[in-house]
Protein backbone atom coordinates (compact mmCIF):
# COMPACT_ATOMS: atom_id res chain seq x y z
CA MET A 1 76.75 131.19 34.62
CA THR A 2 73.16 132.17 35.39
CA TYR A 3 70.29 129.86 34.43
CA ASP A 4 66.66 130.70 33.93
CA VAL A 5 65.71 127.86 36.29
CA ILE A 6 67.50 125.45 38.60
CA VAL A 7 65.45 122.36 39.43
CA VAL A 8 66.58 120.59 42.60
CA GLY A 9 65.68 116.90 42.43
CA SER A 10 66.21 114.09 39.95
CA GLY A 11 63.11 112.01 40.59
CA ALA A 12 60.06 111.82 38.36
CA ILE A 13 58.72 115.24 39.38
CA GLY A 14 62.02 117.11 39.23
CA GLY A 15 62.99 115.38 35.98
CA SER A 16 59.64 116.14 34.38
CA ILE A 17 59.63 119.81 35.39
CA ALA A 18 63.18 120.28 34.09
CA PHE A 19 62.32 118.60 30.77
CA GLU A 20 59.15 120.67 30.33
CA LEU A 21 60.95 123.95 31.03
CA ALA A 22 63.82 123.08 28.67
CA SER A 23 61.30 122.11 25.99
CA ARG A 24 59.89 125.63 26.25
CA GLY A 25 63.27 127.12 25.47
CA MET A 26 64.38 128.03 28.98
CA LYS A 27 67.96 127.59 30.16
CA VAL A 28 67.64 124.83 32.76
CA CYS A 29 70.03 123.10 35.14
CA ARG A 30 68.83 120.08 37.08
CA VAL A 31 70.68 119.31 40.31
CA GLY A 32 70.65 115.94 42.06
CA GLU A 33 72.43 112.61 42.06
CA THR A 34 71.42 110.49 39.09
CA ASP A 35 71.90 107.16 40.88
CA ARG A 36 68.83 108.15 42.96
CA VAL A 37 69.64 105.80 45.84
CA ASN A 38 66.57 105.25 48.04
CA ALA A 39 64.48 107.71 46.03
CA ALA A 40 60.75 107.08 45.85
CA SER A 41 60.66 107.21 42.03
CA ARG A 42 63.35 104.58 41.54
CA ALA A 43 61.77 102.10 43.95
CA ALA A 44 58.23 102.71 42.70
CA GLY A 45 55.95 100.20 41.06
CA ALA A 46 55.07 103.13 38.79
CA MET A 47 51.39 102.34 38.62
CA ASN A 48 49.43 105.01 36.78
CA GLY A 49 47.01 104.58 39.61
CA CYS A 50 44.14 107.03 39.68
CA PHE A 51 40.92 105.38 40.77
CA GLY A 52 42.82 102.34 42.04
CA GLU A 53 44.46 104.54 44.71
CA ILE A 54 41.21 105.96 46.09
CA THR A 55 40.33 105.59 49.76
CA ALA A 56 37.27 106.67 51.68
CA GLY A 57 39.53 109.01 53.67
CA LEU A 58 40.71 110.76 50.51
CA LEU A 59 37.14 111.63 49.59
CA ALA A 60 36.32 112.99 53.06
CA SER A 61 37.46 116.54 52.22
CA GLU A 62 37.55 119.03 49.37
CA HIS A 63 41.34 118.85 49.53
CA GLY A 64 41.12 115.13 48.79
CA HIS A 65 38.75 115.73 45.89
CA LEU A 66 41.28 118.18 44.43
CA LYS A 67 44.00 115.52 44.68
CA LEU A 68 41.71 113.12 42.83
CA ARG A 69 41.10 115.73 40.13
CA MET A 70 44.88 116.08 39.76
CA ASP A 71 45.14 112.30 39.32
CA ILE A 72 42.37 112.25 36.72
CA LEU A 73 43.93 115.08 34.71
CA ALA A 74 47.36 113.42 34.91
CA LYS A 75 45.88 110.15 33.69
CA GLY A 76 44.86 111.83 30.44
CA LEU A 77 48.35 113.21 29.80
CA TRP A 78 50.47 110.07 29.85
CA GLN A 79 50.07 108.86 26.28
CA GLN A 80 51.24 112.15 24.78
CA TRP A 81 53.90 112.56 27.49
CA LEU A 82 55.47 109.21 26.65
CA GLN A 83 55.49 110.12 22.95
CA ARG A 84 57.28 113.37 23.76
CA LEU A 85 59.88 111.52 25.84
CA ASP A 86 60.47 108.98 23.06
CA GLU A 87 61.00 111.74 20.50
CA ALA A 88 63.21 113.93 22.68
CA SER A 89 65.34 111.11 24.12
CA GLY A 90 65.67 109.21 20.84
CA ASP A 91 64.95 106.08 22.87
CA PRO A 92 62.05 104.05 21.42
CA ARG A 93 62.04 101.32 24.10
CA PRO A 94 58.49 100.94 25.42
CA ILE A 95 57.96 102.07 29.01
CA LEU A 96 54.58 100.42 29.61
CA ARG A 97 54.90 97.13 31.48
CA ALA A 98 51.27 96.34 32.35
CA GLN A 99 47.99 97.01 30.60
CA GLY A 100 45.13 97.52 33.04
CA THR A 101 44.74 97.06 36.79
CA HIS A 102 42.81 94.36 38.61
CA VAL A 103 41.71 95.46 42.07
CA ILE A 104 40.91 92.50 44.32
CA LEU A 105 39.08 92.47 47.62
CA ASN A 106 40.21 89.54 49.73
CA SER A 107 39.77 88.43 53.32
CA ALA A 108 43.32 89.23 54.44
CA GLY A 109 42.57 92.65 55.85
CA MET A 110 39.62 94.17 57.66
CA ALA A 111 36.16 94.95 56.34
CA GLU A 112 36.16 98.48 57.80
CA ILE A 113 39.25 99.27 55.70
CA ASP A 114 39.42 96.94 52.70
CA SER A 115 35.70 96.65 51.94
CA VAL A 116 35.11 100.36 52.56
CA ASN A 117 37.97 101.41 50.28
CA TYR A 118 36.96 98.89 47.61
CA ALA A 119 33.45 100.39 47.68
CA ALA A 120 34.95 103.90 47.47
CA ILE A 121 36.84 102.89 44.29
CA GLU A 122 33.65 101.52 42.74
CA GLN A 123 31.64 104.62 43.66
CA ALA A 124 34.28 107.02 42.34
CA LEU A 125 34.37 105.17 39.02
CA ARG A 126 30.59 105.54 38.76
CA ASP A 127 30.64 109.18 39.81
CA HIS A 128 33.12 110.02 37.05
CA GLY A 129 31.41 107.99 34.37
CA GLU A 130 34.18 105.40 34.15
CA PRO A 131 33.28 101.84 33.12
CA ILE A 132 33.32 99.24 35.89
CA GLN A 133 34.27 95.78 34.71
CA GLU A 134 33.46 93.35 37.49
CA VAL A 135 35.52 90.16 37.27
CA PRO A 136 34.55 86.89 38.97
CA PRO A 137 37.51 85.87 41.18
CA SER A 138 37.55 82.49 39.44
CA GLU A 139 38.50 84.29 36.21
CA LEU A 140 41.65 85.82 37.70
CA GLU A 141 43.77 83.26 35.89
CA TRP A 142 47.12 84.17 37.45
CA VAL A 143 45.93 84.56 41.05
CA LYS A 144 46.43 81.38 43.07
CA ALA A 145 45.95 82.49 46.66
CA ASN A 146 45.84 80.62 49.91
CA ASP A 147 42.19 79.68 50.42
CA LEU A 148 42.20 81.47 53.78
CA VAL A 149 42.76 84.81 52.00
CA ARG A 150 41.22 84.12 48.59
CA PRO A 151 39.72 86.99 46.56
CA LEU A 152 36.06 87.70 47.27
CA GLN A 153 35.49 90.33 44.56
CA ALA A 154 37.50 91.85 41.73
CA LEU A 155 37.21 94.57 39.14
CA LEU A 156 39.27 95.67 36.15
CA ILE A 157 40.24 99.28 35.51
CA ALA A 158 41.24 98.84 31.89
CA ASP A 159 43.15 102.10 31.37
CA GLU A 160 45.25 102.20 34.57
CA ASN A 161 48.60 100.77 33.61
CA ALA A 162 52.15 100.55 35.00
CA LEU A 163 55.53 101.76 33.79
CA ASP A 164 59.16 100.76 34.14
CA SER A 165 60.26 103.52 36.55
CA HIS A 166 63.98 102.95 35.89
CA LEU A 167 63.51 103.41 32.13
CA LEU A 168 61.30 106.45 32.70
CA LEU A 169 64.07 108.16 34.69
CA GLU A 170 66.65 107.27 32.02
CA LYS A 171 64.47 108.82 29.32
CA LEU A 172 63.89 111.96 31.40
CA ASP A 173 67.68 112.39 31.71
CA ALA A 174 68.27 111.90 27.98
CA ALA A 175 65.30 114.08 26.97
CA LEU A 176 66.45 116.98 29.16
CA LEU A 177 69.97 116.90 27.71
CA ALA A 178 68.57 116.69 24.16
CA ARG A 179 66.51 119.83 24.79
CA GLY A 180 69.58 121.78 25.88
CA GLY A 181 69.26 121.32 29.62
CA GLU A 182 72.16 120.52 31.91
CA ILE A 183 72.48 117.95 34.71
CA ILE A 184 74.74 118.28 37.74
CA SER A 185 74.93 114.93 39.53
CA ASP A 186 75.49 116.45 42.95
CA ASN A 187 72.99 117.28 45.66
CA ALA A 188 72.08 120.80 46.70
CA SER A 189 72.63 121.77 50.33
CA ARG A 190 70.70 125.05 50.45
CA VAL A 191 68.81 127.63 48.45
CA LEU A 192 70.62 130.97 48.05
CA THR A 193 68.65 134.20 48.54
CA GLU A 194 69.23 137.94 48.51
CA GLU A 195 66.68 139.96 50.44
CA ARG A 196 63.48 138.06 49.54
CA VAL A 197 64.60 136.80 46.15
CA ALA A 198 65.87 133.28 45.35
CA CYS A 199 69.07 133.55 43.33
CA GLY A 200 70.50 130.02 43.13
CA VAL A 201 71.65 127.01 45.12
CA GLN A 202 74.76 125.83 46.89
CA LEU A 203 75.92 122.29 46.16
CA SER A 204 77.18 119.80 48.72
CA ASP A 205 80.77 120.43 47.55
CA GLY A 206 80.41 124.18 48.21
CA ARG A 207 79.94 125.36 44.63
CA GLN A 208 77.24 127.95 44.00
CA ILE A 209 75.02 128.16 40.91
CA ALA A 210 72.89 131.16 40.03
CA ALA A 211 69.39 131.28 38.54
CA ARG A 212 66.34 133.53 38.32
CA HIS A 213 64.08 130.74 39.58
CA VAL A 214 64.70 127.76 41.85
CA VAL A 215 62.26 124.83 41.92
CA VAL A 216 62.76 122.50 44.90
CA ALA A 217 61.48 119.03 44.00
CA ALA A 218 63.79 116.86 46.09
CA GLY A 219 61.18 114.63 47.71
CA VAL A 220 61.48 114.10 51.44
CA GLN A 221 64.72 116.13 51.54
CA SER A 222 63.10 119.23 50.03
CA LEU A 223 62.74 121.22 53.24
CA ASP A 224 66.41 120.65 54.08
CA MET A 225 67.21 123.24 51.39
CA LEU A 226 65.26 125.94 53.27
CA GLN A 227 66.65 125.58 56.79
CA GLU A 228 68.31 129.01 56.67
CA LEU A 229 65.07 130.75 55.70
CA ASP A 230 63.87 131.31 59.26
CA ASP A 231 60.78 133.29 58.25
CA ILE A 232 59.19 130.39 56.33
CA LYS A 233 60.85 127.10 57.32
CA ASP A 234 58.50 126.39 60.24
CA ARG A 235 55.39 127.62 58.39
CA ILE A 236 55.64 124.88 55.75
CA PRO A 237 54.19 121.47 56.71
CA PRO A 238 57.15 119.29 57.75
CA LEU A 239 57.86 116.29 55.55
CA PHE A 240 58.12 112.78 56.95
CA ALA A 241 59.62 109.76 55.22
CA GLY A 242 57.18 107.07 54.14
CA TYR A 243 59.64 104.21 53.91
CA GLY A 244 58.62 101.49 51.48
CA VAL A 245 60.15 98.20 50.38
CA SER A 246 59.75 96.64 46.96
CA ILE A 247 61.17 93.37 45.69
CA LEU A 248 61.96 92.24 42.14
CA VAL A 249 61.61 88.49 41.66
CA LYS A 250 62.18 86.08 38.80
CA VAL A 251 59.47 83.43 38.55
CA LYS A 252 60.39 79.79 38.18
CA PRO A 253 60.65 78.31 34.65
CA GLY A 254 57.25 77.53 33.23
CA GLN A 255 55.43 79.97 35.49
CA SER A 256 53.84 83.02 33.88
CA VAL A 257 53.46 86.56 35.15
CA PRO A 258 50.18 88.50 34.92
CA SER A 259 49.63 90.96 32.08
CA THR A 260 47.94 93.50 34.37
CA VAL A 261 48.70 95.13 37.67
CA ILE A 262 47.07 93.14 40.47
CA ARG A 263 46.48 95.00 43.70
CA THR A 264 44.34 95.26 46.82
CA PRO A 265 42.84 98.57 47.97
CA ASN A 266 45.10 100.74 50.10
CA ARG A 267 45.07 99.41 53.62
CA ALA A 268 46.48 99.97 57.12
CA PHE A 269 48.32 103.23 56.34
CA ALA A 270 50.02 101.52 53.40
CA CYS A 271 49.74 100.92 49.70
CA GLY A 272 47.66 97.93 48.88
CA LEU A 273 49.59 94.75 48.15
CA HIS A 274 50.47 94.86 44.47
CA CYS A 275 52.42 93.08 41.77
CA VAL A 276 53.54 94.57 38.47
CA PRO A 277 54.99 92.60 35.54
CA ARG A 278 58.37 93.89 34.39
CA SER A 279 59.04 91.25 31.72
CA SER A 280 57.88 87.76 30.78
CA GLU A 281 59.66 86.37 33.85
CA LEU A 282 60.20 89.34 36.19
CA LEU A 283 57.67 90.56 38.73
CA TYR A 284 57.73 93.63 40.96
CA LEU A 285 56.18 93.18 44.41
CA GLY A 286 55.23 96.04 46.74
CA ALA A 287 52.93 96.99 49.59
CA THR A 288 54.70 98.69 52.47
CA ASN A 289 54.58 102.29 53.68
CA ILE A 290 56.00 102.87 57.15
CA LEU A 291 56.53 106.34 58.55
CA SER A 292 60.05 106.88 59.77
CA GLU A 293 61.80 109.63 61.72
CA SER A 294 64.27 109.96 58.83
CA PRO A 295 64.71 108.40 55.37
CA ARG A 296 65.85 104.78 55.47
CA THR A 297 68.59 103.37 53.30
CA HIS A 298 68.11 99.64 53.90
CA ALA A 299 65.13 97.34 54.29
CA LEU A 300 64.34 95.70 57.60
CA VAL A 301 64.17 91.91 57.64
CA SER A 302 60.68 92.10 59.16
CA ASP A 303 59.37 94.21 56.28
CA VAL A 304 60.90 91.97 53.61
CA GLN A 305 59.46 88.91 55.33
CA PHE A 306 56.03 90.53 55.61
CA LEU A 307 55.95 91.55 51.95
CA LEU A 308 57.03 88.14 50.69
CA ASP A 309 54.58 86.33 52.99
CA CYS A 310 51.73 88.54 51.73
CA ALA A 311 52.68 88.05 48.07
CA VAL A 312 52.87 84.26 48.33
CA ASP A 313 49.75 84.01 50.47
CA GLN A 314 47.45 86.51 48.76
CA LEU A 315 48.64 86.49 45.15
CA ASN A 316 50.19 83.22 44.05
CA LEU A 317 51.44 80.30 46.13
CA ASP A 318 53.93 79.40 43.39
CA LEU A 319 55.91 82.55 44.21
CA HIS A 320 57.60 80.62 47.01
CA ASP A 321 59.85 79.18 44.27
CA ALA A 322 60.67 82.57 42.72
CA GLU A 323 64.19 84.01 42.95
CA VAL A 324 64.74 87.33 44.70
CA LEU A 325 66.79 89.51 42.34
CA SER A 326 66.79 92.82 44.22
CA ILE A 327 65.32 94.57 47.24
CA GLN A 328 64.65 98.29 46.80
CA VAL A 329 63.95 100.96 49.37
CA GLY A 330 62.17 104.23 48.61
CA ASN A 331 61.18 107.15 50.83
CA ARG A 332 57.92 108.89 49.95
CA PRO A 333 57.47 112.54 51.02
CA ILE A 334 54.51 112.73 53.42
CA PRO A 335 53.53 116.24 54.60
CA ALA A 336 52.22 116.91 58.10
CA ASP A 337 48.67 117.37 56.79
CA GLY A 338 48.86 114.74 54.03
CA PHE A 339 48.48 117.13 51.08
CA PRO A 340 50.98 118.26 48.40
CA LEU A 341 53.36 121.21 48.68
CA VAL A 342 53.13 122.85 45.26
CA GLY A 343 53.71 126.45 44.21
CA PRO A 344 55.53 129.64 45.28
CA CYS A 345 57.27 129.88 48.66
CA ASP A 346 56.98 133.57 49.65
CA TYR A 347 60.34 134.40 48.06
CA GLN A 348 60.43 135.75 44.53
CA GLY A 349 61.57 132.99 42.21
CA LEU A 350 61.36 130.20 44.83
CA TRP A 351 59.03 127.30 44.06
CA MET A 352 58.34 123.86 45.51
CA ALA A 353 56.84 120.64 44.14
CA THR A 354 56.83 117.77 46.62
CA GLY A 355 54.70 116.12 49.31
CA THR A 356 52.78 114.08 46.76
CA TYR A 357 52.86 110.93 48.94
CA ARG A 358 52.00 108.02 46.59
CA ASP A 359 50.97 110.16 43.61
CA GLY A 360 54.21 111.86 42.54
CA LEU A 361 55.22 109.70 39.60
CA HIS A 362 51.67 109.50 38.27
CA GLN A 363 51.15 113.26 38.57
CA SER A 364 54.56 114.23 37.19
CA PRO A 365 53.39 115.28 33.67
CA LEU A 366 50.62 117.40 35.18
CA LEU A 367 52.93 119.06 37.72
CA ALA A 368 55.54 119.70 35.02
CA GLY A 369 53.10 121.62 32.85
CA TRP A 370 51.53 123.41 35.81
CA MET A 371 54.87 124.55 37.24
CA ALA A 372 56.16 125.71 33.85
CA ASP A 373 52.96 127.73 33.37
CA GLN A 374 53.36 129.35 36.79
CA ILE A 375 56.96 130.33 36.13
CA GLN A 376 56.05 131.77 32.73
CA GLY A 377 52.91 133.50 34.00
CA ILE A 378 50.54 131.42 31.87
CA ALA A 379 47.02 130.58 33.09
CA ASN A 380 46.48 126.90 33.89
CA GLU A 381 43.19 124.99 33.99
CA ILE A 382 43.64 123.75 37.56
CA ASP A 383 43.87 125.94 40.65
CA LEU A 384 46.33 124.46 43.16
CA SER A 385 46.57 127.53 45.37
CA ARG A 386 45.23 125.65 48.40
CA PHE A 387 48.36 123.46 48.22
CA THR A 388 50.74 126.43 48.40
CA PRO A 389 53.70 125.30 50.55
CA VAL A 390 53.58 128.14 53.12
CA ARG A 391 50.18 127.41 54.62
CA LYS A 392 48.14 126.61 57.70
CA PRO A 393 47.45 122.88 58.19
CA LEU A 394 44.76 121.52 55.90
CA GLN A 395 42.21 119.20 57.47
CA GLY A 396 41.41 115.88 55.79
CA LEU A 397 39.23 113.80 58.07
CA PRO A 398 37.24 115.77 60.64
CA ARG A 399 39.03 115.86 63.98
CA SER A 400 36.21 113.89 65.59
CA GLU A 401 36.86 110.96 63.22
CA THR A 402 40.65 110.98 63.22
CA VAL A 403 41.14 108.94 66.40
CA LYS A 404 38.56 106.36 65.36
CA GLU A 405 40.22 105.99 61.96
CA THR A 406 43.67 105.66 63.54
CA VAL A 407 42.48 102.88 65.84
CA THR A 408 40.74 101.09 62.96
CA GLN A 409 43.89 101.26 60.82
CA MET A 410 45.97 99.85 63.68
CA PHE A 411 43.52 96.96 64.08
CA ALA A 412 43.72 96.35 60.33
CA THR A 413 47.49 96.02 60.62
CA GLY A 414 47.01 93.29 63.20
CA TYR A 415 44.54 91.40 61.04
CA GLU A 416 46.85 91.53 58.03
CA TYR A 417 49.56 90.02 60.24
CA ARG A 418 46.95 87.40 61.19
CA TRP A 419 47.02 88.11 64.87
CA ASP A 420 45.00 85.80 67.07
CA ILE A 421 43.32 88.04 69.64
CA LYS A 422 40.67 86.72 72.00
CA PRO A 423 37.38 88.63 71.70
CA TYR A 424 37.54 90.04 75.24
CA TRP A 425 40.87 91.73 74.41
CA LEU A 426 39.44 93.78 71.54
CA PRO A 427 37.49 96.37 73.59
CA LEU A 428 40.48 96.76 75.93
CA LEU A 429 42.83 97.41 73.02
CA ASP A 430 40.30 99.76 71.45
CA LYS A 431 39.93 101.81 74.64
CA GLY A 432 43.68 101.88 75.29
CA MET A 433 44.53 103.14 71.82
CA THR A 434 41.60 105.57 71.76
CA ASP A 435 42.62 107.15 75.06
CA ASN A 436 46.29 107.38 74.07
CA TYR A 437 45.58 108.94 70.66
CA ASN A 438 43.05 111.39 72.12
CA ALA A 439 45.64 112.52 74.65
CA LEU A 440 48.26 112.91 71.93
CA ILE A 441 46.03 115.02 69.67
CA SER A 442 44.88 117.22 72.56
CA ALA A 443 48.47 117.84 73.64
CA LEU A 444 49.61 118.72 70.11
CA HIS A 445 47.14 121.53 69.47
CA PRO A 446 43.56 122.49 70.40
CA GLN A 447 42.53 122.75 66.74
CA TYR A 448 45.08 121.36 64.26
CA THR A 449 44.99 117.59 63.80
CA PRO A 450 47.43 115.41 61.83
CA PRO A 451 46.15 112.61 59.59
CA PRO A 452 45.73 109.13 61.14
CA GLU A 453 49.11 107.73 60.03
CA LEU A 454 50.91 110.62 61.69
CA VAL A 455 48.86 110.21 64.85
CA ALA A 456 49.90 106.56 65.06
CA PHE A 457 53.59 107.07 64.39
CA SER A 458 53.91 110.32 66.37
CA TYR A 459 52.84 108.27 69.39
CA LEU A 460 55.91 106.09 68.78
CA TYR A 461 58.45 108.78 67.80
CA PRO A 462 58.88 111.92 69.95
CA SER A 463 60.82 113.70 67.19
CA MET A 464 57.72 113.57 64.96
CA ARG A 465 55.65 115.19 67.70
CA GLU A 466 58.26 117.91 68.14
CA ARG A 467 58.22 118.77 64.43
CA LEU A 468 54.42 118.89 64.40
CA GLU A 469 54.41 121.12 67.50
CA ARG A 470 56.83 123.59 65.86
CA TYR A 471 54.70 123.75 62.73
CA TYR A 472 51.43 124.17 64.64
CA GLY A 473 53.06 126.74 66.90
CA ALA A 474 54.12 128.83 63.89
CA TRP A 475 50.45 129.20 62.93
CA SER A 476 49.07 129.75 66.43
């Protein structure tokens, strides 16, 4: 059997693209395990974060401004998208779990990161004509932080909400089937090609499925499907796993949960600390993003301890009596230059949609419509050609600022862990890290520079450096 399109990946992006294509009358098969173990979408807090995700580093380049435009456009699509999913799936259960997002600036981090990113959020809201609702910290009724890390400022972004990611994925499955699509709950091992034309995929059990188009949207595993395509595999930014831990807790009897998302600005290479209500007694806690040589399947004790300590300390001291119901692990796809991999892949009929870092679930309705338009040859309002997967490295921060930003982010990690460093150690640590990171960047390539988080973790993991060197070498 030959399909119009095979979509590889069962997360929010793959599921949304498959549903959109099937809704347009195309014969679609989606490939990927539906239990989605350790997938980013399943472990996500599913915040429709747009302005709440902004950092000063994002706004340092035109590429970052394009990512923000994608977020803003996606934000306007969600209401209609959820209605479409309800109608197609026949499942009326509400997906929204939080109405609005409170962003808090507290003293747990570092002014050069937290205060700067908080100011960047405020400025972006003003620049785009969005209302800014400043909230006195004393009016954050649910927040009951340790006085040492109490909120200093807060604002409310009234129309940035949060979803139940598990229910979203269930509805995407049901909606696809209702629109005539098919689901194969098995992973793909490689894309099949003839000459320079994609013609299907091979499954992990050896079966082969044919199609006129193949869309690879398998998150951090996406490039694994292209390992036999020697002419392009090293010219696509390699993907690294951004391992994150989230915890679902049940609050003690008599304790409430907030009605909004509560979060800090993104900090120290990671998502800001955040909590998302899932029911009247269940609360989702998240914060971590740690680059790993390969996707992780289980949480480290140190990361669970850190997340719980931060939640109790910075959000609500009463959480020390909450019950831990589940610990989830997700692996975000982080490209070598930090920007998405979206569009055609130099083979007729071969497409990719991944590398969205923290934005994949939020952007999924936008990417679904955009990808369907590309496949059908329909003009779309947003030009994403700069994010084409086969590309030279894109530069975010200027190279001259990358080392400084990396060192600052590393210091911020220490402050969030509440290190106690004597003042005379700080310049020594600064010089040591600066010299080491400068040497690393110079050795990698005379021109191409990875983003700060990859500089920091490539120093720790030789395999990351090797993958960056192969990619840079392919464009040298």
